[in-house]
N, C-alpha and C. Protein backbone atom coordinates (compact mmCIF):
# COMPACT_ATOMS: atom_id res chain seq x y z
N UNK A 1 82.25 75.19 88.51
CA UNK A 1 82.97 74.54 89.58
C UNK A 1 82.04 73.52 90.22
N UNK A 2 82.55 72.38 90.51
CA UNK A 2 81.77 71.33 91.14
C UNK A 2 81.94 71.38 92.64
N UNK A 3 80.88 71.05 93.33
CA UNK A 3 80.91 71.00 94.80
C UNK A 3 80.65 69.58 95.25
N UNK A 4 81.06 69.28 96.47
CA UNK A 4 80.81 67.96 97.04
C UNK A 4 79.31 67.80 97.29
N UNK A 5 78.84 66.57 97.25
CA UNK A 5 77.41 66.28 97.42
C UNK A 5 76.96 66.56 98.85
N UNK A 6 77.80 66.38 99.82
CA UNK A 6 77.46 66.64 101.20
C UNK A 6 76.53 65.64 101.82
N UNK A 7 76.52 64.41 101.31
CA UNK A 7 75.56 63.47 101.85
C UNK A 7 75.99 62.90 103.20
N UNK A 8 77.24 63.03 103.58
CA UNK A 8 77.70 62.56 104.89
C UNK A 8 78.06 63.72 105.82
N UNK A 9 77.85 64.95 105.40
CA UNK A 9 78.27 66.09 106.20
C UNK A 9 77.11 66.69 106.98
N UNK A 10 77.48 67.48 107.98
CA UNK A 10 76.50 68.12 108.85
C UNK A 10 76.74 69.62 108.86
N UNK A 11 75.68 70.35 109.17
CA UNK A 11 75.77 71.79 109.33
C UNK A 11 75.02 72.18 110.59
N UNK A 12 75.15 73.44 110.98
CA UNK A 12 74.49 73.92 112.18
C UNK A 12 73.48 75.00 111.80
N UNK A 13 72.32 74.91 112.42
CA UNK A 13 71.27 75.90 112.19
C UNK A 13 71.72 77.24 112.76
N UNK A 14 71.57 78.32 111.98
CA UNK A 14 71.97 79.65 112.43
C UNK A 14 71.06 80.20 113.52
N UNK A 15 69.86 79.69 113.64
CA UNK A 15 68.92 80.21 114.64
C UNK A 15 68.99 79.40 115.93
N UNK A 16 68.87 78.08 115.81
CA UNK A 16 68.79 77.25 117.01
C UNK A 16 70.13 76.63 117.40
N UNK A 17 71.07 76.52 116.47
CA UNK A 17 72.36 75.91 116.77
C UNK A 17 72.33 74.40 116.76
N UNK A 18 71.27 73.80 116.27
CA UNK A 18 71.12 72.35 116.24
C UNK A 18 71.92 71.78 115.06
N UNK A 19 72.56 70.66 115.29
CA UNK A 19 73.30 69.97 114.22
C UNK A 19 72.29 69.25 113.33
N UNK A 20 72.40 69.52 112.03
CA UNK A 20 71.43 69.01 111.06
C UNK A 20 72.22 68.47 109.86
N UNK A 21 71.74 67.40 109.22
CA UNK A 21 72.40 66.98 107.98
C UNK A 21 72.42 68.14 106.97
N UNK A 22 73.57 68.29 106.30
CA UNK A 22 73.80 69.44 105.44
C UNK A 22 72.72 69.59 104.36
N UNK A 23 72.25 68.51 103.82
CA UNK A 23 71.25 68.56 102.75
C UNK A 23 69.88 69.02 103.25
N UNK A 24 69.64 68.95 104.56
CA UNK A 24 68.36 69.39 105.12
C UNK A 24 68.32 70.89 105.40
N UNK A 25 69.49 71.54 105.47
CA UNK A 25 69.52 72.97 105.74
C UNK A 25 68.87 73.74 104.60
N UNK A 26 68.14 74.78 104.99
CA UNK A 26 67.49 75.64 104.00
C UNK A 26 67.93 77.08 104.24
N UNK A 27 67.92 77.88 103.20
CA UNK A 27 68.28 79.29 103.32
C UNK A 27 66.99 80.10 103.41
N UNK A 28 66.86 80.89 104.49
CA UNK A 28 65.66 81.71 104.63
C UNK A 28 65.85 83.03 103.91
N UNK A 29 64.88 83.92 103.99
CA UNK A 29 64.90 85.18 103.24
C UNK A 29 65.93 86.16 103.76
N UNK A 30 66.48 85.91 104.96
CA UNK A 30 67.52 86.77 105.51
C UNK A 30 68.92 86.26 105.16
N UNK A 31 69.01 85.13 104.47
CA UNK A 31 70.30 84.56 104.08
C UNK A 31 70.88 83.61 105.10
N UNK A 32 70.12 83.25 106.12
CA UNK A 32 70.60 82.33 107.14
C UNK A 32 70.34 80.89 106.71
N UNK A 33 71.27 80.00 107.06
CA UNK A 33 71.08 78.56 106.82
C UNK A 33 70.43 77.99 108.07
N UNK A 34 69.19 77.49 107.93
CA UNK A 34 68.43 77.06 109.09
C UNK A 34 67.89 75.65 108.88
N UNK A 35 67.53 75.01 110.01
CA UNK A 35 66.94 73.68 109.95
C UNK A 35 65.50 73.79 109.45
N UNK A 36 64.92 72.70 108.99
CA UNK A 36 63.53 72.76 108.51
C UNK A 36 62.54 73.20 109.60
N UNK A 37 62.83 72.91 110.86
CA UNK A 37 61.93 73.30 111.95
C UNK A 37 61.97 74.81 112.20
N UNK A 38 63.10 75.45 111.95
CA UNK A 38 63.25 76.88 112.20
C UNK A 38 62.99 77.74 110.97
N UNK A 39 62.71 77.10 109.85
CA UNK A 39 62.51 77.85 108.60
C UNK A 39 61.19 78.60 108.62
N UNK A 40 61.24 79.88 108.23
CA UNK A 40 60.03 80.71 108.12
C UNK A 40 60.04 81.38 106.76
N UNK A 41 58.90 81.34 106.09
CA UNK A 41 58.77 82.06 104.83
C UNK A 41 58.73 83.55 105.10
N UNK A 42 59.05 84.32 104.08
CA UNK A 42 58.98 85.77 104.21
C UNK A 42 57.52 86.19 104.26
N UNK A 43 57.20 87.08 105.19
CA UNK A 43 55.82 87.54 105.32
C UNK A 43 55.44 88.38 104.10
N UNK A 44 54.22 88.22 103.57
CA UNK A 44 53.84 88.94 102.35
C UNK A 44 53.88 90.46 102.49
N UNK A 45 53.70 91.00 103.70
CA UNK A 45 53.72 92.45 103.85
C UNK A 45 55.12 93.03 103.69
N UNK A 46 56.16 92.21 103.80
CA UNK A 46 57.51 92.71 103.62
C UNK A 46 57.85 92.93 102.16
N UNK A 47 57.07 92.39 101.26
CA UNK A 47 57.25 92.62 99.83
C UNK A 47 56.03 93.36 99.32
N UNK A 48 56.12 94.68 99.12
CA UNK A 48 54.95 95.43 98.67
C UNK A 48 54.53 95.02 97.26
N UNK A 49 53.24 95.07 97.02
CA UNK A 49 52.70 94.71 95.71
C UNK A 49 53.11 95.76 94.69
N UNK A 50 53.40 95.31 93.48
CA UNK A 50 53.81 96.21 92.41
C UNK A 50 52.63 96.51 91.50
N UNK A 51 52.58 97.72 90.99
CA UNK A 51 51.56 98.07 90.02
C UNK A 51 50.23 98.49 90.61
N UNK A 52 50.13 98.60 91.93
CA UNK A 52 48.89 99.03 92.55
C UNK A 52 49.05 100.49 92.95
N UNK A 53 48.19 101.34 92.40
CA UNK A 53 48.25 102.77 92.67
C UNK A 53 47.05 103.18 93.51
N UNK A 54 47.33 103.94 94.53
CA UNK A 54 46.28 104.42 95.41
C UNK A 54 45.80 105.77 94.89
N UNK A 55 44.53 105.87 94.55
CA UNK A 55 43.98 107.12 94.02
C UNK A 55 43.98 108.17 95.12
N UNK A 56 44.41 109.38 94.78
CA UNK A 56 44.51 110.44 95.77
C UNK A 56 43.37 111.46 95.65
N UNK A 57 42.70 111.53 94.54
CA UNK A 57 41.65 112.53 94.35
C UNK A 57 40.44 111.88 93.70
N UNK A 58 39.29 112.49 93.92
CA UNK A 58 38.05 112.02 93.31
C UNK A 58 37.82 112.73 91.99
N UNK A 59 37.21 112.05 91.06
CA UNK A 59 36.85 112.66 89.79
C UNK A 59 35.50 113.36 89.97
N UNK A 60 35.44 114.63 89.62
CA UNK A 60 34.23 115.46 89.72
C UNK A 60 33.64 115.43 91.13
N UNK A 61 34.35 115.89 92.15
CA UNK A 61 33.79 115.89 93.50
C UNK A 61 32.71 116.95 93.66
N UNK A 62 31.75 116.70 94.51
CA UNK A 62 30.67 117.64 94.78
C UNK A 62 30.56 117.82 96.28
N UNK A 63 30.46 119.07 96.75
CA UNK A 63 30.30 119.28 98.20
C UNK A 63 28.92 118.82 98.66
N UNK A 64 28.86 118.31 99.88
CA UNK A 64 27.59 117.81 100.40
C UNK A 64 27.04 118.64 101.54
N UNK A 65 27.76 119.68 102.01
CA UNK A 65 27.33 120.42 103.18
C UNK A 65 26.68 121.76 102.85
N UNK A 66 26.30 122.01 101.61
CA UNK A 66 25.61 123.23 101.25
C UNK A 66 26.50 124.33 100.72
N UNK A 67 27.81 124.20 100.84
CA UNK A 67 28.70 125.20 100.29
C UNK A 67 28.90 124.92 98.81
N UNK A 68 28.91 125.97 98.04
CA UNK A 68 29.24 125.80 96.63
C UNK A 68 30.68 126.22 96.42
N UNK A 69 31.24 125.86 95.31
CA UNK A 69 32.63 126.16 95.03
C UNK A 69 32.80 127.67 94.92
N UNK A 70 33.71 128.25 95.66
CA UNK A 70 34.00 129.67 95.60
C UNK A 70 33.13 130.53 96.48
N UNK A 71 32.31 129.97 97.35
CA UNK A 71 31.44 130.78 98.20
C UNK A 71 32.21 131.44 99.34
N UNK A 72 33.29 130.85 99.78
CA UNK A 72 34.10 131.43 100.85
C UNK A 72 35.19 132.27 100.19
N UNK A 73 35.14 133.58 100.41
CA UNK A 73 36.10 134.45 99.74
C UNK A 73 37.34 134.70 100.57
N UNK A 74 37.21 134.76 101.88
CA UNK A 74 38.38 134.93 102.72
C UNK A 74 38.13 134.30 104.07
N UNK A 75 39.19 134.09 104.78
CA UNK A 75 39.08 133.46 106.10
C UNK A 75 38.46 134.42 107.11
N UNK A 76 38.52 135.72 106.88
CA UNK A 76 37.96 136.67 107.84
C UNK A 76 36.45 136.67 107.84
N UNK A 77 35.81 136.17 106.77
CA UNK A 77 34.35 136.10 106.79
C UNK A 77 33.86 134.96 107.66
N UNK A 78 34.66 133.92 107.82
CA UNK A 78 34.27 132.78 108.65
C UNK A 78 34.67 133.03 110.10
N UNK A 79 35.88 133.52 110.32
CA UNK A 79 36.39 133.78 111.66
C UNK A 79 36.77 135.26 111.76
N UNK A 80 35.82 136.14 112.01
CA UNK A 80 36.14 137.57 111.97
C UNK A 80 37.05 138.05 113.10
N UNK A 81 37.11 137.38 114.23
CA UNK A 81 37.90 137.86 115.36
C UNK A 81 39.36 137.43 115.30
N UNK A 82 39.75 136.63 114.31
CA UNK A 82 41.12 136.13 114.28
C UNK A 82 42.05 137.07 113.54
N UNK A 83 41.59 137.92 112.67
CA UNK A 83 42.46 138.81 111.92
C UNK A 83 42.53 140.17 112.60
N UNK A 84 43.67 140.83 112.55
CA UNK A 84 43.80 142.18 113.07
C UNK A 84 44.06 142.27 114.55
N UNK A 85 44.50 141.23 115.18
CA UNK A 85 44.90 141.30 116.58
C UNK A 85 43.76 141.36 117.55
N UNK A 86 42.64 140.73 117.28
CA UNK A 86 41.56 140.66 118.24
C UNK A 86 40.44 141.67 118.02
N UNK A 87 40.53 142.51 117.01
CA UNK A 87 39.46 143.46 116.72
C UNK A 87 38.52 142.86 115.71
N UNK A 88 37.28 143.30 115.69
CA UNK A 88 36.30 142.79 114.73
C UNK A 88 36.55 143.39 113.35
N UNK A 89 36.63 142.55 112.34
CA UNK A 89 36.83 142.99 110.96
C UNK A 89 35.62 142.66 110.11
N UNK A 90 34.44 142.76 110.65
CA UNK A 90 33.24 142.35 109.91
C UNK A 90 32.72 143.48 109.07
């Protein structure tokens, strides 16, 4: 389907309401027809990057505070007064 060229027509900016030649109107990322003065590009943070994965775990982690893996057998050895309703379970 063919459309008219619009070289003699005018449109109105959806943001400012200013009358602008139809050919100067631009469509922003929200679908609004706006004047060149009111046009804003989409901010890069609104489009997340694809293919970037955030690592959640370390490969071969080592403790740095002196504990070795499996040295803590139960929570009552670290906090003896918390189990059993306030009595010592040491």
